[in-house]
Amino acid sequence: MTDLPSGARPQPSGRLYLDRPSFWPGVVLLLVGLAFGSVGLWHLYHDLRLSRGGVTTTGQIDNSYSTTTRRRDGGLSYRHYMDVSFRDAAGQLHSAVFLVSREYFIESRGQSGVELRYVAANPAIAEIEQGRSRRLGSVFGLIGGTILWVGLLLLGATRRQAASRRRAAEAGEARSATVTSLQPAGKKTSGKARLHWSDSTGLTGIAVARPVAELPPPGSTVTVYVDPQRGQGYWSGDY
């Protein structure tokens, strides 16, 4: 990548955000946090409906079973299910598969019936393990909120970094700097490197990883722009 012509200033683009190391992790964590939070809200909504319009009846246990999956660490995870059927106040038959805790699964072993609570206006919303919807909602909500908070912190850092680079390009002092080295970045097969530079005042900086073929060699003179607020400099080729 060649340096800009004399007097020309770089035009900030979407790369100001996309090239920041905190951008993509922030986006991923934001989406994951929203997903967990949505599941939590879904469970809390069911708990609210059950607490306000729940009807208690007896359901018949049609089947009980467990599944086993192997975790990445080599351990085993168990999930316990119960198939339960019940009739609503109008006599309509309903059936559902409930994921239950290990303790509840053991306690219910050998029983033919179980206490069940359902929403009269929507029997599809039902619960056999009292308070499970509330607990799941709280757990998923807490996890989702924490992940979302970290994601927002990363995106906030991205925004501050991008703002600094934008100020430097639009109103910062233009200085000449010398390329001191090109340091390999990422995997050895990526062919990318980071340009390290230094100017006459002693200010130093490291550019975003780029293909080596696009970078000027060590000893070259390049233009950098200094953020008037933070005093950080950025190579013109980073824009």
C-alpha atoms as a PDB file:
ATOM      1  CA  MET A   1       0.000   0.000   0.000  1.00  0.00           C
ATOM      2  CA  THR A   2       1.552   3.314  -1.051  1.00  0.00           C
ATOM      3  CA  ASP A   3       1.485   6.469   1.042  1.00  0.00           C
ATOM      4  CA  LEU A   4      -1.012   9.219   0.187  1.00  0.00           C
ATOM      5  CA  PRO A   5       0.016  12.090  -2.119  1.00  0.00           C
ATOM      6  CA  SER A   6       1.377  15.215  -0.427  1.00  0.00           C
ATOM      7  CA  GLY A   7      -1.392  17.331   1.110  1.00  0.00           C
ATOM      8  CA  ALA A   8      -4.075  14.665   0.661  1.00  0.00           C
ATOM      9  CA  ARG A   9      -5.891  13.350   3.704  1.00  0.00           C
ATOM     10  CA  PRO A  10      -7.300   9.843   4.036  1.00  0.00           C
ATOM     11  CA  GLN A  11     -11.031   9.333   3.754  1.00  0.00           C
ATOM     12  CA  PRO A  12     -12.308   7.363   6.776  1.00  0.00           C
ATOM     13  CA  SER A  13     -14.328   4.286   5.806  1.00  0.00           C
ATOM     14  CA  GLY A  14     -15.987   1.316   7.427  1.00  0.00           C
ATOM     15  CA  ARG A  15     -12.540  -0.150   7.990  1.00  0.00           C
ATOM     16  CA  LEU A  16     -12.241   2.154  10.987  1.00  0.00           C
ATOM     17  CA  TYR A  17     -14.617  -0.254  12.730  1.00  0.00           C
ATOM     18  CA  LEU A  18     -14.061  -3.532  10.901  1.00  0.00           C
ATOM     19  CA  ASP A  19     -10.292  -3.502  11.484  1.00  0.00           C
ATOM     20  CA  ARG A  20     -10.557  -2.951  15.220  1.00  0.00           C
ATOM     21  CA  PRO A  21      -9.711  -6.149  17.144  1.00  0.00           C
ATOM     22  CA  SER A  22     -12.637  -5.601  19.527  1.00  0.00           C
ATOM     23  CA  PHE A  23     -15.282  -5.175  16.804  1.00  0.00           C
ATOM     24  CA  TRP A  24     -16.093  -8.753  15.761  1.00  0.00           C
ATOM     25  CA  PRO A  25     -15.830 -10.252  19.273  1.00  0.00           C
ATOM     26  CA  GLY A  26     -18.166  -7.470  20.413  1.00  0.00           C
ATOM     27  CA  VAL A  27     -20.680  -8.260  17.664  1.00  0.00           C
ATOM     28  CA  VAL A  28     -20.570 -12.002  18.413  1.00  0.00           C
ATOM     29  CA  LEU A  29     -21.011 -11.462  22.156  1.00  0.00           C
ATOM     30  CA  LEU A  30     -23.844  -9.018  21.492  1.00  0.00           C
ATOM     31  CA  LEU A  31     -25.709 -11.597  19.408  1.00  0.00           C
ATOM     32  CA  VAL A  32     -25.043 -14.408  21.894  1.00  0.00           C
ATOM     33  CA  GLY A  33     -26.152 -12.198  24.776  1.00  0.00           C
ATOM     34  CA  LEU A  34     -29.362 -11.292  22.959  1.00  0.00           C
ATOM     35  CA  ALA A  35     -30.016 -14.974  22.249  1.00  0.00           C
ATOM     36  CA  PHE A  36     -29.573 -15.988  25.889  1.00  0.00           C
ATOM     37  CA  GLY A  37     -31.591 -12.999  27.041  1.00  0.00           C
ATOM     38  CA  SER A  38     -34.418 -13.874  24.654  1.00  0.00           C
ATOM     39  CA  VAL A  39     -34.579 -17.415  26.042  1.00  0.00           C
ATOM     40  CA  GLY A  40     -34.633 -15.992  29.554  1.00  0.00           C
ATOM     41  CA  LEU A  41     -37.484 -13.616  28.706  1.00  0.00           C
ATOM     42  CA  TRP A  42     -39.391 -16.471  27.070  1.00  0.00           C
ATOM     43  CA  HIS A  43     -39.210 -18.517  30.283  1.00  0.00           C
ATOM     44  CA  LEU A  44     -40.084 -15.537  32.478  1.00  0.00           C
ATOM     45  CA  TYR A  45     -43.062 -14.773  30.260  1.00  0.00           C
ATOM     46  CA  HIS A  46     -44.293 -18.335  30.738  1.00  0.00           C
ATOM     47  CA  ASP A  47     -43.803 -18.025  34.493  1.00  0.00           C
ATOM     48  CA  LEU A  48     -45.804 -14.788  34.511  1.00  0.00           C
ATOM     49  CA  ARG A  49     -48.641 -16.383  32.558  1.00  0.00           C
ATOM     50  CA  LEU A  50     -48.681 -19.382  34.889  1.00  0.00           C
ATOM     51  CA  SER A  51     -48.675 -17.244  38.027  1.00  0.00           C
ATOM     52  CA  ARG A  52     -51.555 -15.072  36.783  1.00  0.00           C
ATOM     53  CA  GLY A  53     -53.746 -17.580  34.989  1.00  0.00           C
ATOM     54  CA  GLY A  54     -52.435 -21.003  35.912  1.00  0.00           C
ATOM     55  CA  VAL A  55     -54.757 -23.927  36.510  1.00  0.00           C
ATOM     56  CA  THR A  56     -53.575 -26.903  38.557  1.00  0.00           C
ATOM     57  CA  THR A  57     -54.487 -30.441  37.520  1.00  0.00           C
ATOM     58  CA  THR A  58     -53.016 -33.932  37.495  1.00  0.00           C
ATOM     59  CA  GLY A  59     -51.075 -35.116  34.479  1.00  0.00           C
ATOM     60  CA  GLN A  60     -50.321 -38.700  33.492  1.00  0.00           C
ATOM     61  CA  ILE A  61     -46.692 -39.682  33.066  1.00  0.00           C
ATOM     62  CA  ASP A  62     -46.545 -41.539  29.771  1.00  0.00           C
ATOM     63  CA  ASN A  63     -42.783 -41.915  29.579  1.00  0.00           C
ATOM     64  CA  SER A  64     -39.601 -40.897  31.391  1.00  0.00           C
ATOM     65  CA  TYR A  65     -36.150 -41.042  29.863  1.00  0.00           C
ATOM     66  CA  SER A  66     -32.700 -39.518  29.923  1.00  0.00           C
ATOM     67  CA  THR A  67     -30.218 -38.631  27.201  1.00  0.00           C
ATOM     68  CA  THR A  68     -26.446 -38.515  27.394  1.00  0.00           C
ATOM     69  CA  THR A  69     -24.066 -36.268  25.451  1.00  0.00           C
ATOM     70  CA  ARG A  70     -20.306 -35.994  25.648  1.00  0.00           C
ATOM     71  CA  ARG A  71     -18.902 -32.583  26.456  1.00  0.00           C
ATOM     72  CA  ARG A  72     -15.810 -31.090  24.821  1.00  0.00           C
ATOM     73  CA  ASP A  73     -13.808 -31.771  27.982  1.00  0.00           C
ATOM     74  CA  GLY A  74     -14.607 -35.482  27.677  1.00  0.00           C
ATOM     75  CA  GLY A  75     -17.193 -35.562  30.459  1.00  0.00           C
ATOM     76  CA  LEU A  76     -20.823 -36.586  30.114  1.00  0.00           C
ATOM     77  CA  SER A  77     -23.926 -34.410  30.339  1.00  0.00           C
ATOM     78  CA  TYR A  78     -27.342 -35.839  31.194  1.00  0.00           C
ATOM     79  CA  ARG A  79     -30.743 -34.414  30.311  1.00  0.00           C
ATOM     80  CA  HIS A  80     -33.939 -35.786  31.838  1.00  0.00           C
ATOM     81  CA  TYR A  81     -37.344 -35.715  30.149  1.00  0.00           C
ATOM     82  CA  MET A  82     -40.898 -36.644  31.030  1.00  0.00           C
ATOM     83  CA  ASP A  83     -43.752 -37.147  28.573  1.00  0.00           C
ATOM     84  CA  VAL A  84     -46.956 -36.028  30.304  1.00  0.00           C
ATOM     85  CA  SER A  85     -50.543 -35.901  29.086  1.00  0.00           C
ATOM     86  CA  PHE A  86     -53.424 -34.043  30.720  1.00  0.00           C
ATOM     87  CA  ARG A  87     -56.929 -32.789  30.049  1.00  0.00           C
ATOM     88  CA  ASP A  88     -57.912 -29.155  30.354  1.00  0.00           C
ATOM     89  CA  ALA A  89     -61.127 -27.847  31.919  1.00  0.00           C
ATOM     90  CA  ALA A  90     -62.991 -28.485  28.656  1.00  0.00           C
ATOM     91  CA  GLY A  91     -61.846 -32.096  28.539  1.00  0.00           C
ATOM     92  CA  GLN A  92     -59.438 -31.562  25.662  1.00  0.00           C
ATOM     93  CA  LEU A  93     -56.425 -33.885  25.807  1.00  0.00           C
ATOM     94  CA  HIS A  94     -52.949 -32.343  25.653  1.00  0.00           C
ATOM     95  CA  SER A  95     -49.482 -33.838  25.821  1.00  0.00           C
ATOM     96  CA  ALA A  96     -46.056 -32.294  26.241  1.00  0.00           C
ATOM     97  CA  VAL A  97     -42.442 -33.252  26.819  1.00  0.00           C
ATOM     98  CA  PHE A  98     -40.894 -31.536  29.848  1.00  0.00           C
ATOM     99  CA  LEU A  99     -37.201 -31.111  30.533  1.00  0.00           C
ATOM    100  CA  VAL A 100     -36.781 -31.537  34.290  1.00  0.00           C
ATOM    101  CA  SER A 101     -34.003 -31.448  36.833  1.00  0.00           C
ATOM    102  CA  ARG A 102     -32.239 -34.605  37.984  1.00  0.00           C
ATOM    103  CA  GLU A 103     -33.729 -34.246  41.469  1.00  0.00           C
ATOM    104  CA  TYR A 104     -37.274 -33.984  40.170  1.00  0.00           C
ATOM    105  CA  PHE A 105     -36.689 -36.862  37.763  1.00  0.00           C
ATOM    106  CA  ILE A 106     -35.564 -39.123  40.616  1.00  0.00           C
ATOM    107  CA  GLU A 107     -38.408 -38.039  42.911  1.00  0.00           C
ATOM    108  CA  SER A 108     -41.009 -38.802  40.240  1.00  0.00           C
ATOM    109  CA  ARG A 109     -39.612 -42.229  39.369  1.00  0.00           C
ATOM    110  CA  GLY A 110     -42.255 -44.937  39.694  1.00  0.00           C
ATOM    111  CA  GLN A 111     -45.171 -42.496  39.847  1.00  0.00           C
ATOM    112  CA  SER A 112     -48.004 -42.662  37.321  1.00  0.00           C
ATOM    113  CA  GLY A 113     -49.204 -39.089  37.795  1.00  0.00           C
ATOM    114  CA  VAL A 114     -47.740 -35.688  38.538  1.00  0.00           C
ATOM    115  CA  GLU A 115     -49.137 -32.303  39.527  1.00  0.00           C
ATOM    116  CA  LEU A 116     -49.251 -30.010  36.518  1.00  0.00           C
ATOM    117  CA  ARG A 117     -50.051 -26.349  36.075  1.00  0.00           C
ATOM    118  CA  TYR A 118     -51.153 -24.880  32.752  1.00  0.00           C
ATOM    119  CA  VAL A 119     -52.501 -21.608  31.397  1.00  0.00           C
ATOM    120  CA  ALA A 120     -56.244 -21.906  30.877  1.00  0.00           C
ATOM    121  CA  ALA A 121     -56.222 -19.651  27.821  1.00  0.00           C
ATOM    122  CA  ASN A 122     -53.241 -21.488  26.313  1.00  0.00           C
ATOM    123  CA  PRO A 123     -52.666 -25.038  27.626  1.00  0.00           C
ATOM    124  CA  ALA A 124     -49.473 -25.254  25.567  1.00  0.00           C
ATOM    125  CA  ILE A 125     -47.885 -23.199  28.363  1.00  0.00           C
ATOM    126  CA  ALA A 126     -47.552 -25.739  31.144  1.00  0.00           C
ATOM    127  CA  GLU A 127     -45.174 -26.699  33.929  1.00  0.00           C
ATOM    128  CA  ILE A 128     -44.755 -29.790  36.087  1.00  0.00           C
ATOM    129  CA  GLU A 129     -41.687 -28.768  38.102  1.00  0.00           C
ATOM    130  CA  GLN A 130     -42.860 -25.815  40.155  1.00  0.00           C
ATOM    131  CA  GLY A 131     -40.775 -22.685  39.688  1.00  0.00           C
ATOM    132  CA  ARG A 132     -38.628 -24.134  36.895  1.00  0.00           C
ATOM    133  CA  SER A 133     -39.667 -21.504  34.360  1.00  0.00           C
ATOM    134  CA  ARG A 134     -38.740 -18.751  36.810  1.00  0.00           C
ATOM    135  CA  ARG A 135     -35.376 -20.317  37.598  1.00  0.00           C
ATOM    136  CA  LEU A 136     -34.513 -20.896  33.958  1.00  0.00           C
ATOM    137  CA  GLY A 137     -35.574 -17.368  33.076  1.00  0.00           C
ATOM    138  CA  SER A 138     -33.384 -15.930  35.806  1.00  0.00           C
ATOM    139  CA  VAL A 139     -30.356 -18.029  34.860  1.00  0.00           C
ATOM    140  CA  PHE A 140     -30.594 -17.372  31.124  1.00  0.00           C
ATOM    141  CA  GLY A 141     -31.344 -13.714  31.778  1.00  0.00           C
ATOM    142  CA  LEU A 142     -28.296 -13.324  34.016  1.00  0.00           C
ATOM    143  CA  ILE A 143     -26.002 -15.100  31.567  1.00  0.00           C
ATOM    144  CA  GLY A 144     -27.408 -13.154  28.621  1.00  0.00           C
ATOM    145  CA  GLY A 145     -27.162  -9.840  30.437  1.00  0.00           C
ATOM    146  CA  THR A 146     -23.544 -10.481  31.402  1.00  0.00           C
ATOM    147  CA  ILE A 147     -22.521 -11.508  27.882  1.00  0.00           C
ATOM    148  CA  LEU A 148     -24.417  -8.557  26.427  1.00  0.00           C
ATOM    149  CA  TRP A 149     -22.664  -6.158  28.818  1.00  0.00           C
ATOM    150  CA  VAL A 150     -19.220  -7.452  27.808  1.00  0.00           C
ATOM    151  CA  GLY A 151     -20.171  -7.192  24.133  1.00  0.00           C
ATOM    152  CA  LEU A 152     -21.296  -3.591  24.596  1.00  0.00           C
ATOM    153  CA  LEU A 153     -18.031  -2.794  26.385  1.00  0.00           C
ATOM    154  CA  LEU A 154     -16.060  -4.151  23.419  1.00  0.00           C
ATOM    155  CA  LEU A 155     -18.182  -2.247  20.920  1.00  0.00           C
ATOM    156  CA  GLY A 156     -17.772   0.881  23.046  1.00  0.00           C
ATOM    157  CA  ALA A 157     -13.999   0.426  22.877  1.00  0.00           C
ATOM    158  CA  THR A 158     -14.314   0.001  19.104  1.00  0.00           C
ATOM    159  CA  ARG A 159     -16.268   3.230  18.856  1.00  0.00           C
ATOM    160  CA  ARG A 160     -13.671   5.167  20.880  1.00  0.00           C
ATOM    161  CA  GLN A 161     -10.811   3.765  18.813  1.00  0.00           C
ATOM    162  CA  ALA A 162     -12.593   4.594  15.560  1.00  0.00           C
ATOM    163  CA  ALA A 163     -13.430   8.097  16.783  1.00  0.00           C
ATOM    164  CA  SER A 164      -9.769   8.710  17.622  1.00  0.00           C
ATOM    165  CA  ARG A 165      -8.676   7.629  14.163  1.00  0.00           C
ATOM    166  CA  ARG A 166     -11.376   9.751  12.535  1.00  0.00           C
ATOM    167  CA  ARG A 167     -10.291  12.862  14.463  1.00  0.00           C
ATOM    168  CA  ALA A 168      -6.698  12.234  13.463  1.00  0.00           C
ATOM    169  CA  ALA A 169      -7.595  11.934   9.781  1.00  0.00           C
ATOM    170  CA  GLU A 170      -9.923  14.934   9.705  1.00  0.00           C
ATOM    171  CA  ALA A 171      -8.188  17.436  11.975  1.00  0.00           C
ATOM    172  CA  GLY A 172      -4.964  15.891  13.258  1.00  0.00           C
ATOM    173  CA  GLU A 173      -1.418  17.016  12.563  1.00  0.00           C
ATOM    174  CA  ALA A 174       0.205  15.266   9.600  1.00  0.00           C
ATOM    175  CA  ARG A 175       3.740  14.081  10.339  1.00  0.00           C
ATOM    176  CA  SER A 176       6.430  12.186   8.511  1.00  0.00           C
ATOM    177  CA  ALA A 177       7.467   8.941  10.132  1.00  0.00           C
ATOM    178  CA  THR A 178       9.893   6.144   9.361  1.00  0.00           C
ATOM    179  CA  VAL A 179       8.925   2.511   9.013  1.00  0.00           C
ATOM    180  CA  THR A 180      11.061   0.785  11.643  1.00  0.00           C
ATOM    181  CA  SER A 181       9.998  -2.816  11.005  1.00  0.00           C
ATOM    182  CA  LEU A 182       7.379  -5.191   9.652  1.00  0.00           C
ATOM    183  CA  GLN A 183       6.366  -7.763  12.255  1.00  0.00           C
ATOM    184  CA  PRO A 184       4.523 -10.968  11.213  1.00  0.00           C
ATOM    185  CA  ALA A 185       0.894 -11.042  12.331  1.00  0.00           C
ATOM    186  CA  GLY A 186      -1.502 -13.948  12.734  1.00  0.00           C
ATOM    187  CA  LYS A 187      -0.692 -17.404  11.412  1.00  0.00           C
ATOM    188  CA  LYS A 188       2.604 -17.940   9.642  1.00  0.00           C
ATOM    189  CA  THR A 189       0.721 -18.849   6.468  1.00  0.00           C
ATOM    190  CA  SER A 190      -1.371 -15.658   6.488  1.00  0.00           C
ATOM    191  CA  GLY A 191       1.327 -13.597   4.815  1.00  0.00           C
ATOM    192  CA  LYS A 192       0.325 -10.592   6.912  1.00  0.00           C
ATOM    193  CA  ALA A 193       2.417  -8.213   8.978  1.00  0.00           C
ATOM    194  CA  ARG A 194       2.073  -5.116  11.123  1.00  0.00           C
ATOM    195  CA  LEU A 195       3.919  -1.965  10.163  1.00  0.00           C
ATOM    196  CA  HIS A 196       5.802  -0.345  13.071  1.00  0.00           C
ATOM    197  CA  TRP A 197       6.716   3.308  12.718  1.00  0.00           C
ATOM    198  CA  SER A 198       8.374   6.130  14.627  1.00  0.00           C
ATOM    199  CA  ASP A 199       8.539   9.886  14.001  1.00  0.00           C
ATOM    200  CA  SER A 200      11.083  12.545  14.940  1.00  0.00           C
ATOM    201  CA  THR A 201       9.293  13.375  18.212  1.00  0.00           C
ATOM    202  CA  GLY A 202       9.610   9.807  19.439  1.00  0.00           C
ATOM    203  CA  LEU A 203       5.951   8.977  18.847  1.00  0.00           C
ATOM    204  CA  THR A 204       5.535   5.366  17.767  1.00  0.00           C
ATOM    205  CA  GLY A 205       2.675   3.335  16.404  1.00  0.00           C
ATOM    206  CA  ILE A 206       1.663  -0.035  15.028  1.00  0.00           C
ATOM    207  CA  ALA A 207      -0.545  -0.319  11.978  1.00  0.00           C
ATOM    208  CA  VAL A 208      -3.340  -2.779  11.349  1.00  0.00           C
ATOM    209  CA  ALA A 209      -2.238  -6.149   9.974  1.00  0.00           C
ATOM    210  CA  ARG A 210      -2.009  -6.092   6.191  1.00  0.00           C
ATOM    211  CA  PRO A 211      -0.557  -8.373   3.480  1.00  0.00           C
ATOM    212  CA  VAL A 212       3.189  -7.839   3.399  1.00  0.00           C
ATOM    213  CA  ALA A 213       3.027  -6.986  -0.321  1.00  0.00           C
ATOM    214  CA  GLU A 214       0.869  -3.929   0.513  1.00  0.00           C
ATOM    215  CA  LEU A 215       3.267  -2.514   3.103  1.00  0.00           C
ATOM    216  CA  PRO A 216       6.216  -0.167   2.465  1.00  0.00           C
ATOM    217  CA  PRO A 217       9.566  -1.715   3.476  1.00  0.00           C
ATOM    218  CA  PRO A 218      11.522  -0.734   6.617  1.00  0.00           C
ATOM    219  CA  GLY A 219      13.296   2.579   6.212  1.00  0.00           C
ATOM    220  CA  SER A 220      10.512   4.061   4.077  1.00  0.00           C
ATOM    221  CA  THR A 221       8.991   7.428   4.937  1.00  0.00           C
ATOM    222  CA  VAL A 222       5.256   7.432   5.540  1.00  0.00           C
ATOM    223  CA  THR A 223       2.659   9.929   6.704  1.00  0.00           C
ATOM    224  CA  VAL A 224       0.917   9.577  10.048  1.00  0.00           C
ATOM    225  CA  TYR A 225      -1.918  11.612  11.539  1.00  0.00           C
ATOM    226  CA  VAL A 226      -2.087  12.453  15.215  1.00  0.00           C
ATOM    227  CA  ASP A 227      -5.344  12.570  17.174  1.00  0.00           C
ATOM    228  CA  PRO A 228      -5.452  16.079  18.722  1.00  0.00           C
ATOM    229  CA  GLN A 229      -7.270  14.762  21.805  1.00  0.00           C
ATOM    230  CA  ARG A 230      -5.459  11.547  22.635  1.00  0.00           C
ATOM    231  CA  GLY A 231      -2.097  12.214  21.010  1.00  0.00           C
ATOM    232  CA  GLN A 232      -2.058   8.853  19.243  1.00  0.00           C
ATOM    233  CA  GLY A 233      -0.814   8.592  15.692  1.00  0.00           C
ATOM    234  CA  TYR A 234      -2.078   6.449  12.842  1.00  0.00           C
ATOM    235  CA  TRP A 235      -0.505   5.544   9.546  1.00  0.00           C
ATOM    236  CA  SER A 236      -2.342   6.906   6.497  1.00  0.00           C
ATOM    237  CA  GLY A 237      -2.526   3.396   5.051  1.00  0.00           C
ATOM    238  CA  ASP A 238      -4.792   2.264   7.886  1.00  0.00           C
ATOM    239  CA  TYR A 239      -7.722   4.185   6.474  1.00  0.00           C
END
